[in-house]
Amino acid sequence: MMSSFGVPANVGITLMGVFIVSFAATTLDSATRIQCYIVAELAQMCKLPLFARKHPATCIAVGSAFILAFCEGSGAGAFNLWPLFGAMNQLLGGLALMVITVYLAKKGVNVFCTAIPMVLMIILTGWAMYYNLIKFAGLQPGTKPNILLLVISIIIIVFEIWMIVESAIVLHKTVFCSKKAVSDN
């Protein structure tokens, strides 16, 4: 495509290489920063202030990625997580819809446009994750247990349930308690 604009092939290949490396580097940077924030917040909730500081949180974030990448010695350990990607990606979409739904409810906006797809996404990904758990535990005929994927799946399911419960509490307080306060006045 670039050669049709008169750009030599070597220059085009170099530019594409720079774009790909830039995309990978910024994605990795963003993911590491977000993981540091999550580690720090979890450490604060668990009353572990030492791990809530930026340097220990960064060490945990980078260290866990390092361990995952090199768990088999080849540096390709992250490919072990590939079977989780589909369900986790859709779960992230469902949880994003849940956050938006809570935000809209707090603003007093009708939440049905986000709540209905949120419920569908969370139910469908929950079902897929349950199916994966059965497979990773080796309970499905013809499958071997995969402890790494089983443990990571269980951790993610626990966090998912935690977010759902927290959001349900906030939605209940926002929607039902505010209606009761309005009807009492």
N, C-alpha and C. Protein backbone atom coordinates (compact mmCIF):
# COMPACT_ATOMS: atom_id res chain seq x y z
N MET A 1 0.83 -1.18 0.00
CA MET A 1 0.00 0.00 0.00
C MET A 1 0.88 1.26 0.00
N MET A 2 1.92 1.25 0.80
CA MET A 2 2.78 2.42 0.88
C MET A 2 3.54 2.64 -0.42
N SER A 3 3.86 1.56 -1.12
CA SER A 3 4.58 1.71 -2.38
C SER A 3 3.71 2.39 -3.43
N SER A 4 2.38 2.27 -3.30
CA SER A 4 1.50 2.97 -4.24
C SER A 4 1.57 4.48 -4.06
N PHE A 5 2.07 4.95 -2.92
CA PHE A 5 2.26 6.38 -2.66
C PHE A 5 3.70 6.81 -2.95
N GLY A 6 4.52 5.89 -3.45
CA GLY A 6 5.89 6.22 -3.78
C GLY A 6 6.88 6.02 -2.64
N VAL A 7 6.45 5.40 -1.54
CA VAL A 7 7.34 5.14 -0.42
C VAL A 7 8.09 3.84 -0.69
N PRO A 8 9.42 3.87 -0.65
CA PRO A 8 10.19 2.64 -0.89
C PRO A 8 9.84 1.55 0.13
N ALA A 9 9.93 0.31 -0.30
CA ALA A 9 9.55 -0.82 0.56
C ALA A 9 10.36 -0.86 1.85
N ASN A 10 11.66 -0.59 1.79
CA ASN A 10 12.50 -0.63 3.00
C ASN A 10 12.06 0.43 4.01
N VAL A 11 11.73 1.62 3.51
CA VAL A 11 11.26 2.69 4.40
C VAL A 11 9.90 2.31 5.00
N GLY A 12 9.02 1.74 4.18
CA GLY A 12 7.70 1.31 4.66
C GLY A 12 7.80 0.25 5.74
N ILE A 13 8.70 -0.72 5.53
CA ILE A 13 8.90 -1.79 6.52
C ILE A 13 9.44 -1.20 7.82
N THR A 14 10.37 -0.26 7.70
CA THR A 14 10.94 0.39 8.89
C THR A 14 9.87 1.16 9.65
N LEU A 15 9.06 1.94 8.92
CA LEU A 15 7.98 2.70 9.57
C LEU A 15 6.99 1.78 10.28
N MET A 16 6.61 0.70 9.63
CA MET A 16 5.68 -0.25 10.25
C MET A 16 6.29 -0.88 11.50
N GLY A 17 7.58 -1.18 11.43
CA GLY A 17 8.28 -1.72 12.61
C GLY A 17 8.26 -0.74 13.76
N VAL A 18 8.48 0.54 13.48
CA VAL A 18 8.45 1.57 14.52
C VAL A 18 7.04 1.67 15.11
N PHE A 19 6.02 1.64 14.25
CA PHE A 19 4.65 1.72 14.74
C PHE A 19 4.31 0.53 15.64
N ILE A 20 4.71 -0.66 15.23
CA ILE A 20 4.40 -1.86 16.02
C ILE A 20 5.12 -1.82 17.36
N VAL A 21 6.39 -1.45 17.36
CA VAL A 21 7.15 -1.38 18.61
C VAL A 21 6.57 -0.30 19.52
N SER A 22 6.19 0.85 18.94
CA SER A 22 5.59 1.92 19.74
C SER A 22 4.28 1.48 20.36
N PHE A 23 3.46 0.77 19.58
CA PHE A 23 2.19 0.27 20.10
C PHE A 23 2.42 -0.71 21.24
N ALA A 24 3.36 -1.64 21.04
CA ALA A 24 3.64 -2.63 22.08
C ALA A 24 4.19 -1.96 23.34
N ALA A 25 5.08 -0.99 23.17
CA ALA A 25 5.68 -0.33 24.33
C ALA A 25 4.66 0.48 25.11
N THR A 26 3.80 1.21 24.43
CA THR A 26 2.80 2.01 25.15
C THR A 26 1.75 1.12 25.80
N THR A 27 1.41 0.02 25.15
CA THR A 27 0.46 -0.92 25.75
C THR A 27 1.05 -1.55 26.99
N LEU A 28 2.30 -1.96 26.91
CA LEU A 28 2.97 -2.57 28.07
C LEU A 28 3.09 -1.56 29.21
N ASP A 29 3.43 -0.32 28.89
CA ASP A 29 3.54 0.72 29.90
C ASP A 29 2.19 0.94 30.59
N SER A 30 1.13 1.06 29.79
CA SER A 30 -0.20 1.28 30.37
C SER A 30 -0.64 0.11 31.24
N ALA A 31 -0.41 -1.11 30.75
CA ALA A 31 -0.80 -2.29 31.51
C ALA A 31 -0.04 -2.37 32.83
N THR A 32 1.26 -2.05 32.80
CA THR A 32 2.06 -2.09 34.03
C THR A 32 1.59 -1.04 35.03
N ARG A 33 1.29 0.17 34.54
CA ARG A 33 0.80 1.22 35.44
C ARG A 33 -0.53 0.83 36.08
N ILE A 34 -1.43 0.30 35.28
CA ILE A 34 -2.74 -0.10 35.81
C ILE A 34 -2.56 -1.23 36.82
N GLN A 35 -1.70 -2.18 36.52
CA GLN A 35 -1.47 -3.28 37.46
C GLN A 35 -0.87 -2.76 38.76
N CYS A 36 0.02 -1.77 38.68
CA CYS A 36 0.58 -1.16 39.91
C CYS A 36 -0.51 -0.51 40.75
N TYR A 37 -1.42 0.20 40.09
CA TYR A 37 -2.54 0.82 40.81
C TYR A 37 -3.41 -0.23 41.49
N ILE A 38 -3.67 -1.31 40.79
CA ILE A 38 -4.50 -2.38 41.35
C ILE A 38 -3.81 -3.03 42.55
N VAL A 39 -2.52 -3.31 42.41
CA VAL A 39 -1.76 -3.89 43.53
C VAL A 39 -1.80 -2.95 44.73
N ALA A 40 -1.59 -1.65 44.48
CA ALA A 40 -1.60 -0.67 45.57
C ALA A 40 -2.97 -0.60 46.24
N GLU A 41 -4.04 -0.59 45.46
CA GLU A 41 -5.38 -0.54 46.03
C GLU A 41 -5.70 -1.80 46.83
N LEU A 42 -5.34 -2.95 46.31
CA LEU A 42 -5.57 -4.20 47.05
C LEU A 42 -4.76 -4.21 48.34
N ALA A 43 -3.53 -3.70 48.28
CA ALA A 43 -2.69 -3.66 49.49
C ALA A 43 -3.31 -2.72 50.53
N GLN A 44 -3.86 -1.60 50.09
CA GLN A 44 -4.52 -0.69 51.03
C GLN A 44 -5.75 -1.35 51.65
N MET A 45 -6.54 -2.05 50.83
CA MET A 45 -7.73 -2.71 51.35
C MET A 45 -7.37 -3.80 52.35
N CYS A 46 -6.26 -4.49 52.10
CA CYS A 46 -5.83 -5.57 52.99
C CYS A 46 -4.96 -5.05 54.13
N LYS A 47 -4.86 -3.73 54.24
CA LYS A 47 -4.09 -3.07 55.30
C LYS A 47 -2.63 -3.52 55.31
N LEU A 48 -2.04 -3.50 54.11
CA LEU A 48 -0.62 -3.79 53.93
C LEU A 48 0.03 -2.56 53.31
N PRO A 49 0.24 -1.49 54.10
CA PRO A 49 0.69 -0.21 53.52
C PRO A 49 2.05 -0.28 52.83
N LEU A 50 2.90 -1.19 53.23
CA LEU A 50 4.20 -1.31 52.58
C LEU A 50 4.04 -1.62 51.10
N PHE A 51 3.11 -2.54 50.76
CA PHE A 51 2.91 -2.94 49.37
C PHE A 51 2.08 -1.94 48.59
N ALA A 52 1.49 -0.97 49.26
CA ALA A 52 0.70 0.05 48.58
C ALA A 52 1.57 1.18 48.03
N ARG A 53 2.82 1.21 48.41
CA ARG A 53 3.74 2.23 47.92
C ARG A 53 4.15 1.90 46.48
N LYS A 54 4.61 2.93 45.74
CA LYS A 54 4.83 2.74 44.31
C LYS A 54 5.93 1.73 43.96
N HIS A 55 7.01 1.72 44.69
CA HIS A 55 8.10 0.80 44.33
C HIS A 55 7.76 -0.67 44.61
N PRO A 56 7.25 -1.00 45.80
CA PRO A 56 6.85 -2.41 46.00
C PRO A 56 5.73 -2.85 45.06
N ALA A 57 4.76 -1.96 44.81
CA ALA A 57 3.66 -2.32 43.89
C ALA A 57 4.19 -2.57 42.49
N THR A 58 5.15 -1.75 42.05
CA THR A 58 5.75 -1.94 40.74
C THR A 58 6.53 -3.25 40.68
N CYS A 59 7.26 -3.56 41.75
CA CYS A 59 8.02 -4.83 41.80
C CYS A 59 7.07 -6.02 41.71
N ILE A 60 5.95 -5.94 42.39
CA ILE A 60 4.97 -7.04 42.33
C ILE A 60 4.39 -7.14 40.92
N ALA A 61 4.03 -6.01 40.32
CA ALA A 61 3.44 -6.02 38.98
C ALA A 61 4.42 -6.57 37.95
N VAL A 62 5.63 -6.05 37.94
CA VAL A 62 6.64 -6.49 36.96
C VAL A 62 7.11 -7.91 37.29
N GLY A 63 7.27 -8.19 38.59
CA GLY A 63 7.73 -9.52 38.99
C GLY A 63 6.75 -10.62 38.62
N SER A 64 5.46 -10.37 38.80
CA SER A 64 4.47 -11.39 38.44
C SER A 64 4.46 -11.63 36.93
N ALA A 65 4.62 -10.56 36.13
CA ALA A 65 4.70 -10.73 34.68
C ALA A 65 5.96 -11.49 34.29
N PHE A 66 7.07 -11.19 34.96
CA PHE A 66 8.34 -11.88 34.70
C PHE A 66 8.20 -13.37 35.01
N ILE A 67 7.64 -13.68 36.16
CA ILE A 67 7.46 -15.09 36.56
C ILE A 67 6.58 -15.82 35.56
N LEU A 68 5.51 -15.17 35.14
CA LEU A 68 4.61 -15.79 34.17
C LEU A 68 5.32 -16.03 32.84
N ALA A 69 6.08 -15.04 32.38
CA ALA A 69 6.77 -15.16 31.08
C ALA A 69 7.84 -16.25 31.10
N PHE A 70 8.52 -16.39 32.23
CA PHE A 70 9.64 -17.33 32.27
C PHE A 70 9.36 -18.57 33.11
N CYS A 71 8.09 -18.88 33.37
CA CYS A 71 7.78 -20.04 34.21
C CYS A 71 8.22 -21.35 33.57
N GLU A 72 8.35 -21.36 32.25
CA GLU A 72 8.82 -22.57 31.58
C GLU A 72 10.26 -22.44 31.11
N GLY A 73 10.89 -21.30 31.39
CA GLY A 73 12.27 -21.09 31.02
C GLY A 73 12.49 -20.53 29.63
N SER A 74 11.43 -20.47 28.81
CA SER A 74 11.61 -20.05 27.42
C SER A 74 11.29 -18.58 27.18
N GLY A 75 10.61 -17.94 28.10
CA GLY A 75 10.16 -16.57 27.87
C GLY A 75 8.82 -16.51 27.17
N ALA A 76 8.26 -17.66 26.83
CA ALA A 76 6.98 -17.71 26.13
C ALA A 76 5.87 -18.19 27.05
N GLY A 77 6.08 -18.07 28.36
CA GLY A 77 5.09 -18.56 29.32
C GLY A 77 3.75 -17.86 29.26
N ALA A 78 3.74 -16.61 28.78
CA ALA A 78 2.48 -15.88 28.70
C ALA A 78 1.52 -16.52 27.70
N PHE A 79 2.06 -17.28 26.75
CA PHE A 79 1.18 -17.97 25.80
C PHE A 79 0.33 -19.03 26.50
N ASN A 80 0.73 -19.42 27.71
CA ASN A 80 -0.08 -20.37 28.47
C ASN A 80 -1.43 -19.78 28.82
N LEU A 81 -1.51 -18.45 28.90
CA LEU A 81 -2.77 -17.79 29.26
C LEU A 81 -3.73 -17.64 28.09
N TRP A 82 -3.30 -17.96 26.90
CA TRP A 82 -4.13 -17.74 25.73
C TRP A 82 -5.52 -18.37 25.85
N PRO A 83 -5.69 -19.58 26.41
CA PRO A 83 -7.03 -20.15 26.54
C PRO A 83 -7.98 -19.30 27.41
N LEU A 84 -7.44 -18.42 28.24
CA LEU A 84 -8.28 -17.55 29.07
C LEU A 84 -8.69 -16.28 28.34
N PHE A 85 -8.04 -15.94 27.26
CA PHE A 85 -8.20 -14.63 26.65
C PHE A 85 -9.63 -14.31 26.23
N GLY A 86 -10.29 -15.23 25.55
CA GLY A 86 -11.64 -14.95 25.04
C GLY A 86 -12.62 -14.59 26.14
N ALA A 87 -12.71 -15.43 27.15
CA ALA A 87 -13.65 -15.18 28.24
C ALA A 87 -13.24 -13.93 29.04
N MET A 88 -11.95 -13.75 29.26
CA MET A 88 -11.50 -12.59 30.05
C MET A 88 -11.74 -11.29 29.30
N ASN A 89 -11.54 -11.30 27.99
CA ASN A 89 -11.76 -10.10 27.18
C ASN A 89 -13.24 -9.70 27.23
N GLN A 90 -14.13 -10.66 27.09
CA GLN A 90 -15.56 -10.36 27.15
C GLN A 90 -15.99 -9.98 28.57
N LEU A 91 -15.38 -10.60 29.57
CA LEU A 91 -15.67 -10.23 30.95
C LEU A 91 -15.28 -8.79 31.20
N LEU A 92 -14.15 -8.37 30.68
CA LEU A 92 -13.72 -6.98 30.82
C LEU A 92 -14.77 -6.04 30.23
N GLY A 93 -15.32 -6.41 29.08
CA GLY A 93 -16.39 -5.61 28.49
C GLY A 93 -17.62 -5.55 29.39
N GLY A 94 -18.01 -6.69 29.95
CA GLY A 94 -19.16 -6.72 30.86
C GLY A 94 -18.92 -5.91 32.12
N LEU A 95 -17.71 -5.99 32.68
CA LEU A 95 -17.40 -5.22 33.88
C LEU A 95 -17.32 -3.72 33.57
N ALA A 96 -16.84 -3.37 32.37
CA ALA A 96 -16.83 -1.95 31.97
C ALA A 96 -18.27 -1.44 31.87
N LEU A 97 -19.16 -2.25 31.31
CA LEU A 97 -20.57 -1.86 31.25
C LEU A 97 -21.16 -1.73 32.66
N MET A 98 -20.70 -2.56 33.59
CA MET A 98 -21.17 -2.48 34.97
C MET A 98 -20.73 -1.17 35.62
N VAL A 99 -19.49 -0.79 35.41
CA VAL A 99 -18.99 0.48 35.95
C VAL A 99 -19.78 1.65 35.36
N ILE A 100 -20.02 1.60 34.06
CA ILE A 100 -20.79 2.66 33.40
C ILE A 100 -22.22 2.69 33.94
N THR A 101 -22.80 1.53 34.16
CA THR A 101 -24.16 1.45 34.70
C THR A 101 -24.23 2.08 36.09
N VAL A 102 -23.28 1.77 36.93
CA VAL A 102 -23.24 2.37 38.28
C VAL A 102 -23.08 3.88 38.17
N TYR A 103 -22.21 4.32 37.29
CA TYR A 103 -21.98 5.76 37.11
C TYR A 103 -23.28 6.45 36.65
N LEU A 104 -23.94 5.87 35.66
CA LEU A 104 -25.19 6.47 35.16
C LEU A 104 -26.27 6.47 36.24
N ALA A 105 -26.33 5.40 37.03
CA ALA A 105 -27.34 5.34 38.11
C ALA A 105 -27.08 6.44 39.13
N LYS A 106 -25.81 6.67 39.45
CA LYS A 106 -25.48 7.74 40.41
C LYS A 106 -25.81 9.11 39.85
N LYS A 107 -25.77 9.25 38.53
CA LYS A 107 -26.12 10.52 37.89
C LYS A 107 -27.62 10.67 37.70
N GLY A 108 -28.38 9.61 38.00
CA GLY A 108 -29.83 9.66 37.86
C GLY A 108 -30.33 9.44 36.45
N VAL A 109 -29.48 8.85 35.61
CA VAL A 109 -29.82 8.59 34.22
C VAL A 109 -30.40 7.17 34.11
N ASN A 110 -31.29 6.98 33.14
CA ASN A 110 -31.86 5.66 32.89
C ASN A 110 -30.74 4.69 32.50
N VAL A 111 -30.62 3.58 33.20
CA VAL A 111 -29.49 2.66 33.03
C VAL A 111 -29.81 1.45 32.16
N PHE A 112 -30.99 1.34 31.62
CA PHE A 112 -31.35 0.14 30.87
C PHE A 112 -30.50 -0.06 29.63
N CYS A 113 -30.03 1.03 29.01
CA CYS A 113 -29.22 0.88 27.79
C CYS A 113 -27.87 0.24 28.08
N THR A 114 -27.38 0.32 29.30
CA THR A 114 -26.13 -0.35 29.65
C THR A 114 -26.36 -1.58 30.53
N ALA A 115 -27.44 -1.58 31.31
CA ALA A 115 -27.68 -2.68 32.24
C ALA A 115 -28.03 -3.98 31.52
N ILE A 116 -28.83 -3.90 30.48
CA ILE A 116 -29.23 -5.12 29.78
C ILE A 116 -28.03 -5.80 29.11
N PRO A 117 -27.21 -5.08 28.31
CA PRO A 117 -26.03 -5.76 27.76
C PRO A 117 -25.04 -6.20 28.84
N MET A 118 -24.96 -5.44 29.94
CA MET A 118 -24.07 -5.81 31.04
C MET A 118 -24.47 -7.16 31.61
N VAL A 119 -25.74 -7.34 31.88
CA VAL A 119 -26.22 -8.60 32.46
C VAL A 119 -25.94 -9.75 31.49
N LEU A 120 -26.23 -9.54 30.22
CA LEU A 120 -25.98 -10.60 29.23
C LEU A 120 -24.49 -10.94 29.15
N MET A 121 -23.65 -9.92 29.10
CA MET A 121 -22.21 -10.17 29.00
C MET A 121 -21.69 -10.92 30.23
N ILE A 122 -22.12 -10.51 31.40
CA ILE A 122 -21.61 -11.14 32.61
C ILE A 122 -22.12 -12.57 32.74
N ILE A 123 -23.38 -12.80 32.39
CA ILE A 123 -23.91 -14.17 32.44
C ILE A 123 -23.19 -15.07 31.44
N LEU A 124 -23.03 -14.60 30.20
CA LEU A 124 -22.39 -15.43 29.18
C LEU A 124 -20.91 -15.69 29.50
N THR A 125 -20.21 -14.67 29.97
CA THR A 125 -18.80 -14.91 30.31
C THR A 125 -18.68 -15.76 31.57
N GLY A 126 -19.61 -15.62 32.49
CA GLY A 126 -19.61 -16.49 33.68
C GLY A 126 -19.77 -17.95 33.28
N TRP A 127 -20.66 -18.19 32.32
CA TRP A 127 -20.88 -19.54 31.83
C TRP A 127 -19.62 -20.06 31.14
N ALA A 128 -18.98 -19.23 30.32
CA ALA A 128 -17.75 -19.63 29.64
C ALA A 128 -16.64 -19.90 30.65
N MET A 129 -16.57 -19.07 31.69
CA MET A 129 -15.53 -19.27 32.71
C MET A 129 -15.79 -20.56 33.49
N TYR A 130 -17.05 -20.86 33.77
CA TYR A 130 -17.39 -22.11 34.45
C TYR A 130 -16.96 -23.29 33.57
N TYR A 131 -17.23 -23.20 32.28
CA TYR A 131 -16.83 -24.25 31.34
C TYR A 131 -15.31 -24.41 31.35
N ASN A 132 -14.60 -23.27 31.35
CA ASN A 132 -13.13 -23.31 31.40
C ASN A 132 -12.64 -23.95 32.70
N LEU A 133 -13.29 -23.62 33.82
CA LEU A 133 -12.88 -24.22 35.10
C LEU A 133 -12.97 -25.74 35.07
N ILE A 134 -14.06 -26.24 34.50
CA ILE A 134 -14.23 -27.69 34.39
C ILE A 134 -13.10 -28.29 33.55
N LYS A 135 -12.79 -27.59 32.44
CA LYS A 135 -11.73 -28.07 31.54
C LYS A 135 -10.37 -27.98 32.22
N PHE A 136 -10.06 -26.84 32.87
CA PHE A 136 -8.75 -26.66 33.49
C PHE A 136 -8.56 -27.56 34.70
N ALA A 137 -9.64 -27.96 35.35
CA ALA A 137 -9.54 -28.87 36.48
C ALA A 137 -9.35 -30.32 36.01
N GLY A 138 -9.49 -30.55 34.71
CA GLY A 138 -9.35 -31.89 34.18
C GLY A 138 -10.58 -32.74 34.37
N LEU A 139 -11.72 -32.12 34.65
CA LEU A 139 -12.95 -32.86 34.89
C LEU A 139 -13.71 -33.15 33.60
N GLN A 140 -13.35 -32.50 32.53
CA GLN A 140 -13.98 -32.76 31.24
C GLN A 140 -13.28 -33.96 30.61
N PRO A 141 -14.04 -34.90 30.04
CA PRO A 141 -13.39 -36.08 29.44
C PRO A 141 -12.36 -35.68 28.38
N GLY A 142 -11.20 -36.29 28.45
CA GLY A 142 -10.15 -36.05 27.47
C GLY A 142 -9.27 -34.84 27.77
N THR A 143 -9.42 -34.23 28.94
CA THR A 143 -8.58 -33.07 29.27
C THR A 143 -7.69 -33.39 30.45
N LYS A 144 -6.54 -32.73 30.47
CA LYS A 144 -5.62 -32.86 31.59
C LYS A 144 -5.74 -31.62 32.46
N PRO A 145 -5.52 -31.74 33.75
CA PRO A 145 -5.57 -30.55 34.61
C PRO A 145 -4.48 -29.54 34.23
N ASN A 146 -4.84 -28.28 34.30
CA ASN A 146 -3.89 -27.19 34.07
C ASN A 146 -3.98 -26.29 35.30
N ILE A 147 -3.11 -26.51 36.25
CA ILE A 147 -3.17 -25.83 37.55
C ILE A 147 -3.02 -24.32 37.40
N LEU A 148 -2.10 -23.86 36.54
CA LEU A 148 -1.90 -22.43 36.36
C LEU A 148 -3.18 -21.74 35.91
N LEU A 149 -3.81 -22.28 34.85
CA LEU A 149 -5.04 -21.67 34.35
C LEU A 149 -6.19 -21.82 35.34
N LEU A 150 -6.22 -22.92 36.06
CA LEU A 150 -7.26 -23.12 37.07
C LEU A 150 -7.15 -22.08 38.18
N VAL A 151 -5.94 -21.87 38.69
CA VAL A 151 -5.74 -20.90 39.78
C VAL A 151 -6.05 -19.49 39.31
N ILE A 152 -5.56 -19.12 38.13
CA ILE A 152 -5.82 -17.76 37.62
C ILE A 152 -7.32 -17.57 37.37
N SER A 153 -7.98 -18.58 36.85
CA SER A 153 -9.43 -18.49 36.63
C SER A 153 -10.18 -18.30 37.93
N ILE A 154 -9.80 -19.05 38.95
CA ILE A 154 -10.47 -18.93 40.25
C ILE A 154 -10.26 -17.52 40.82
N ILE A 155 -9.05 -17.01 40.72
CA ILE A 155 -8.77 -15.65 41.22
C ILE A 155 -9.62 -14.63 40.48
N ILE A 156 -9.71 -14.76 39.17
CA ILE A 156 -10.49 -13.81 38.38
C ILE A 156 -11.97 -13.93 38.71
N ILE A 157 -12.47 -15.13 38.91
CA ILE A 157 -13.88 -15.31 39.27
C ILE A 157 -14.17 -14.68 40.62
N VAL A 158 -13.25 -14.83 41.58
CA VAL A 158 -13.43 -14.21 42.89
C VAL A 158 -13.51 -12.70 42.75
N PHE A 159 -12.60 -12.11 41.97
CA PHE A 159 -12.64 -10.66 41.76
C PHE A 159 -13.90 -10.23 41.02
N GLU A 160 -14.35 -11.04 40.06
CA GLU A 160 -15.58 -10.73 39.34
C GLU A 160 -16.78 -10.70 40.29
N ILE A 161 -16.88 -11.73 41.13
CA ILE A 161 -17.99 -11.78 42.07
C ILE A 161 -17.92 -10.61 43.04
N TRP A 162 -16.73 -10.28 43.48
CA TRP A 162 -16.53 -9.14 44.37
C TRP A 162 -17.03 -7.85 43.71
N MET A 163 -16.65 -7.62 42.46
CA MET A 163 -17.11 -6.41 41.75
C MET A 163 -18.61 -6.41 41.55
N ILE A 164 -19.18 -7.56 41.27
CA ILE A 164 -20.63 -7.64 41.07
C ILE A 164 -21.35 -7.31 42.37
N VAL A 165 -20.89 -7.87 43.48
CA VAL A 165 -21.52 -7.61 44.78
C VAL A 165 -21.40 -6.13 45.14
N GLU A 166 -20.19 -5.56 44.99
CA GLU A 166 -19.99 -4.14 45.29
C GLU A 166 -20.90 -3.27 44.43
N SER A 167 -20.99 -3.58 43.15
CA SER A 167 -21.84 -2.80 42.25
C SER A 167 -23.31 -2.95 42.59
N ALA A 168 -23.71 -4.17 42.94
CA ALA A 168 -25.11 -4.39 43.32
C ALA A 168 -25.46 -3.59 44.57
N ILE A 169 -24.55 -3.53 45.52
CA ILE A 169 -24.79 -2.75 46.74
C ILE A 169 -24.95 -1.27 46.39
N VAL A 170 -24.04 -0.75 45.56
CA VAL A 170 -24.11 0.66 45.17
C VAL A 170 -25.39 0.93 44.38
N LEU A 171 -25.73 0.05 43.44
CA LEU A 171 -26.95 0.24 42.67
C LEU A 171 -28.18 0.19 43.55
N HIS A 172 -28.20 -0.72 44.50
CA HIS A 172 -29.35 -0.82 45.41
C HIS A 172 -29.50 0.47 46.21
N LYS A 173 -28.40 0.95 46.76
CA LYS A 173 -28.44 2.20 47.53
C LYS A 173 -28.84 3.38 46.64
N THR A 174 -28.32 3.41 45.44
CA THR A 174 -28.57 4.53 44.53
C THR A 174 -30.00 4.52 44.02
N VAL A 175 -30.46 3.38 43.56
CA VAL A 175 -31.78 3.31 42.92
C VAL A 175 -32.89 3.21 43.95
N PHE A 176 -32.82 2.22 44.84
CA PHE A 176 -33.94 1.98 45.75
C PHE A 176 -33.97 2.94 46.93
N CYS A 177 -32.83 3.23 47.50
CA CYS A 177 -32.81 4.13 48.66
C CYS A 177 -33.16 5.55 48.25
N SER A 178 -32.74 5.98 47.04
CA SER A 178 -33.09 7.33 46.60
C SER A 178 -34.57 7.42 46.27
N LYS A 179 -35.18 6.35 45.73
CA LYS A 179 -36.62 6.35 45.46
C LYS A 179 -37.40 6.40 46.77
N LYS A 180 -36.91 5.67 47.79
CA LYS A 180 -37.58 5.67 49.08
C LYS A 180 -37.50 7.06 49.71
N ALA A 181 -36.34 7.71 49.59
CA ALA A 181 -36.17 9.05 50.15
C ALA A 181 -37.10 10.04 49.46
N VAL A 182 -37.28 9.88 48.13
CA VAL A 182 -38.17 10.77 47.40
C VAL A 182 -39.62 10.53 47.80
N SER A 183 -40.00 9.24 47.98
CA SER A 183 -41.38 8.93 48.35
C SER A 183 -41.68 9.33 49.79
N ASP A 184 -40.65 9.34 50.66
CA ASP A 184 -40.86 9.75 52.06
C ASP A 184 -41.09 11.24 52.17
N ASN A 185 -40.55 12.00 51.23
CA ASN A 185 -40.73 13.46 51.27
C ASN A 185 -42.03 13.80 50.67
